């Protein structure tokens, strides 16, 4: 395995920010609105659908 040359963080980590559920829902809906490509999602959904019949015994 190769030795990884990761950066060394010298500064202290930023303080953790706690989100309320309302803030979290706002963040998730904004993320979906601006990052989800609905056209490609619909194409992928059609390709992922199972077209063969099956049964469990």
N, C-alpha and C. Protein backbone atom coordinates (compact mmCIF):
# COMPACT_ATOMS: atom_id res chain seq x y z
N UNK A 1 0.83 -1.17 0.00
CA UNK A 1 0.00 0.00 0.00
C UNK A 1 0.88 1.25 0.00
N UNK A 2 0.48 2.23 -0.77
CA UNK A 2 1.28 3.45 -0.87
C UNK A 2 1.14 4.31 0.38
N UNK A 3 2.18 5.07 0.66
CA UNK A 3 2.08 6.05 1.75
C UNK A 3 1.34 7.27 1.22
N UNK A 4 0.31 7.64 1.93
CA UNK A 4 -0.47 8.80 1.53
C UNK A 4 0.16 10.06 2.11
N UNK A 5 0.19 11.10 1.31
CA UNK A 5 0.72 12.37 1.78
C UNK A 5 -0.46 13.31 2.03
N UNK A 6 -1.08 13.12 3.17
CA UNK A 6 -2.22 13.93 3.54
C UNK A 6 -1.75 15.22 4.18
N UNK A 7 -2.52 16.28 4.02
CA UNK A 7 -2.12 17.55 4.63
C UNK A 7 -2.22 17.46 6.16
N UNK A 8 -1.32 18.15 6.81
CA UNK A 8 -1.32 18.20 8.27
C UNK A 8 -2.08 19.46 8.68
N UNK A 9 -3.11 19.28 9.48
CA UNK A 9 -3.92 20.40 9.92
C UNK A 9 -3.30 20.97 11.18
N UNK A 10 -2.87 22.22 11.10
CA UNK A 10 -2.20 22.83 12.24
C UNK A 10 -3.15 23.71 13.05
N UNK A 11 -4.21 24.18 12.43
CA UNK A 11 -5.15 25.03 13.14
C UNK A 11 -6.14 24.16 13.91
N UNK A 12 -6.72 24.71 14.98
CA UNK A 12 -7.74 23.94 15.70
C UNK A 12 -9.00 23.80 14.84
N UNK A 13 -9.74 22.74 15.06
CA UNK A 13 -10.96 22.51 14.30
C UNK A 13 -12.01 23.55 14.66
N UNK A 14 -12.84 23.92 13.70
CA UNK A 14 -13.90 24.88 14.03
C UNK A 14 -14.90 24.27 15.00
N UNK A 15 -15.56 25.15 15.72
CA UNK A 15 -16.55 24.68 16.70
C UNK A 15 -17.71 24.01 15.97
N UNK A 16 -18.23 22.97 16.57
CA UNK A 16 -19.34 22.24 15.96
C UNK A 16 -20.59 23.11 16.00
N UNK A 17 -21.35 23.07 14.91
CA UNK A 17 -22.58 23.85 14.85
C UNK A 17 -23.75 22.89 14.89
N UNK A 18 -24.63 23.08 15.83
CA UNK A 18 -25.81 22.25 15.97
C UNK A 18 -26.96 22.89 15.22
N UNK A 19 -27.66 22.10 14.44
CA UNK A 19 -28.81 22.60 13.69
C UNK A 19 -30.10 22.13 14.34
N UNK A 20 -31.07 23.02 14.36
CA UNK A 20 -32.40 22.60 14.81
C UNK A 20 -33.03 21.78 13.68
N UNK A 21 -34.11 21.09 13.97
CA UNK A 21 -34.76 20.29 12.93
C UNK A 21 -35.29 21.17 11.81
N UNK A 22 -35.77 22.37 12.13
CA UNK A 22 -36.24 23.28 11.09
C UNK A 22 -35.10 23.70 10.17
N UNK A 23 -33.94 24.02 10.75
CA UNK A 23 -32.78 24.38 9.94
C UNK A 23 -32.32 23.20 9.09
N UNK A 24 -32.36 22.01 9.67
CA UNK A 24 -31.94 20.82 8.93
C UNK A 24 -32.87 20.54 7.74
N UNK A 25 -34.17 20.67 7.96
CA UNK A 25 -35.13 20.45 6.88
C UNK A 25 -34.91 21.49 5.78
N UNK A 26 -34.69 22.74 6.16
CA UNK A 26 -34.40 23.78 5.18
C UNK A 26 -33.15 23.45 4.37
N UNK A 27 -32.10 22.99 5.05
CA UNK A 27 -30.86 22.62 4.37
C UNK A 27 -31.08 21.48 3.39
N UNK A 28 -31.79 20.44 3.81
CA UNK A 28 -32.02 19.28 2.95
C UNK A 28 -32.87 19.66 1.74
N UNK A 29 -33.93 20.42 1.93
CA UNK A 29 -34.78 20.80 0.80
C UNK A 29 -34.02 21.70 -0.17
N UNK A 30 -33.20 22.61 0.34
CA UNK A 30 -32.40 23.45 -0.55
C UNK A 30 -31.40 22.60 -1.33
N UNK A 31 -30.78 21.63 -0.66
CA UNK A 31 -29.82 20.76 -1.31
C UNK A 31 -30.48 19.94 -2.43
N UNK A 32 -31.64 19.40 -2.16
CA UNK A 32 -32.36 18.62 -3.18
C UNK A 32 -32.78 19.51 -4.34
N UNK A 33 -33.24 20.70 -4.03
CA UNK A 33 -33.73 21.61 -5.07
C UNK A 33 -32.62 21.98 -6.06
N UNK A 34 -31.41 22.21 -5.55
CA UNK A 34 -30.35 22.71 -6.42
C UNK A 34 -29.37 21.65 -6.89
N UNK A 35 -29.41 20.45 -6.34
CA UNK A 35 -28.44 19.44 -6.77
C UNK A 35 -29.07 18.25 -7.49
N UNK A 36 -30.36 18.03 -7.33
CA UNK A 36 -31.00 16.88 -7.94
C UNK A 36 -31.42 17.22 -9.37
N UNK A 37 -30.96 16.43 -10.31
CA UNK A 37 -31.36 16.60 -11.71
C UNK A 37 -32.53 15.65 -11.96
N UNK A 38 -33.73 16.19 -12.00
CA UNK A 38 -34.93 15.36 -12.08
C UNK A 38 -34.98 14.55 -13.38
N UNK A 39 -34.53 15.12 -14.47
CA UNK A 39 -34.57 14.41 -15.75
C UNK A 39 -33.68 13.16 -15.70
N UNK A 40 -32.46 13.31 -15.22
CA UNK A 40 -31.56 12.15 -15.12
C UNK A 40 -32.05 11.15 -14.09
N UNK A 41 -32.66 11.63 -13.01
CA UNK A 41 -33.20 10.72 -11.99
C UNK A 41 -34.31 9.87 -12.57
N UNK A 42 -35.18 10.46 -13.38
CA UNK A 42 -36.27 9.69 -13.99
C UNK A 42 -35.73 8.65 -14.96
N UNK A 43 -34.69 9.00 -15.74
CA UNK A 43 -34.07 8.03 -16.66
C UNK A 43 -33.46 6.87 -15.88
N UNK A 44 -32.74 7.19 -14.78
CA UNK A 44 -32.11 6.15 -13.98
C UNK A 44 -33.17 5.25 -13.36
N UNK A 45 -34.27 5.84 -12.90
CA UNK A 45 -35.33 5.07 -12.27
C UNK A 45 -35.95 4.08 -13.25
N UNK A 46 -36.12 4.50 -14.50
CA UNK A 46 -36.65 3.58 -15.52
C UNK A 46 -35.67 2.46 -15.81
N UNK A 47 -34.37 2.77 -15.86
CA UNK A 47 -33.37 1.74 -16.12
C UNK A 47 -33.25 0.76 -14.96
N UNK A 48 -33.48 1.23 -13.74
CA UNK A 48 -33.31 0.38 -12.56
C UNK A 48 -34.52 -0.50 -12.29
N UNK A 49 -35.62 -0.25 -12.96
CA UNK A 49 -36.84 -1.02 -12.70
C UNK A 49 -36.66 -2.46 -13.18
N UNK A 50 -37.22 -3.40 -12.45
CA UNK A 50 -37.16 -4.81 -12.80
C UNK A 50 -38.34 -5.12 -13.69
N UNK A 51 -38.07 -5.74 -14.84
CA UNK A 51 -39.12 -6.03 -15.81
C UNK A 51 -39.50 -7.51 -15.85
N UNK A 52 -38.78 -8.33 -15.12
CA UNK A 52 -39.04 -9.77 -15.10
C UNK A 52 -39.91 -10.12 -13.91
N UNK A 53 -40.83 -11.04 -14.11
CA UNK A 53 -41.66 -11.50 -13.01
C UNK A 53 -40.86 -12.47 -12.14
N UNK A 54 -41.13 -12.45 -10.86
CA UNK A 54 -40.47 -13.39 -9.96
C UNK A 54 -41.41 -13.70 -8.80
N UNK A 55 -41.13 -14.78 -8.12
CA UNK A 55 -41.92 -15.14 -6.95
C UNK A 55 -41.00 -15.76 -5.90
N UNK A 56 -41.39 -15.62 -4.67
CA UNK A 56 -40.64 -16.21 -3.56
C UNK A 56 -41.35 -17.47 -3.13
N UNK A 57 -40.61 -18.53 -2.97
CA UNK A 57 -41.21 -19.81 -2.57
C UNK A 57 -40.88 -20.13 -1.14
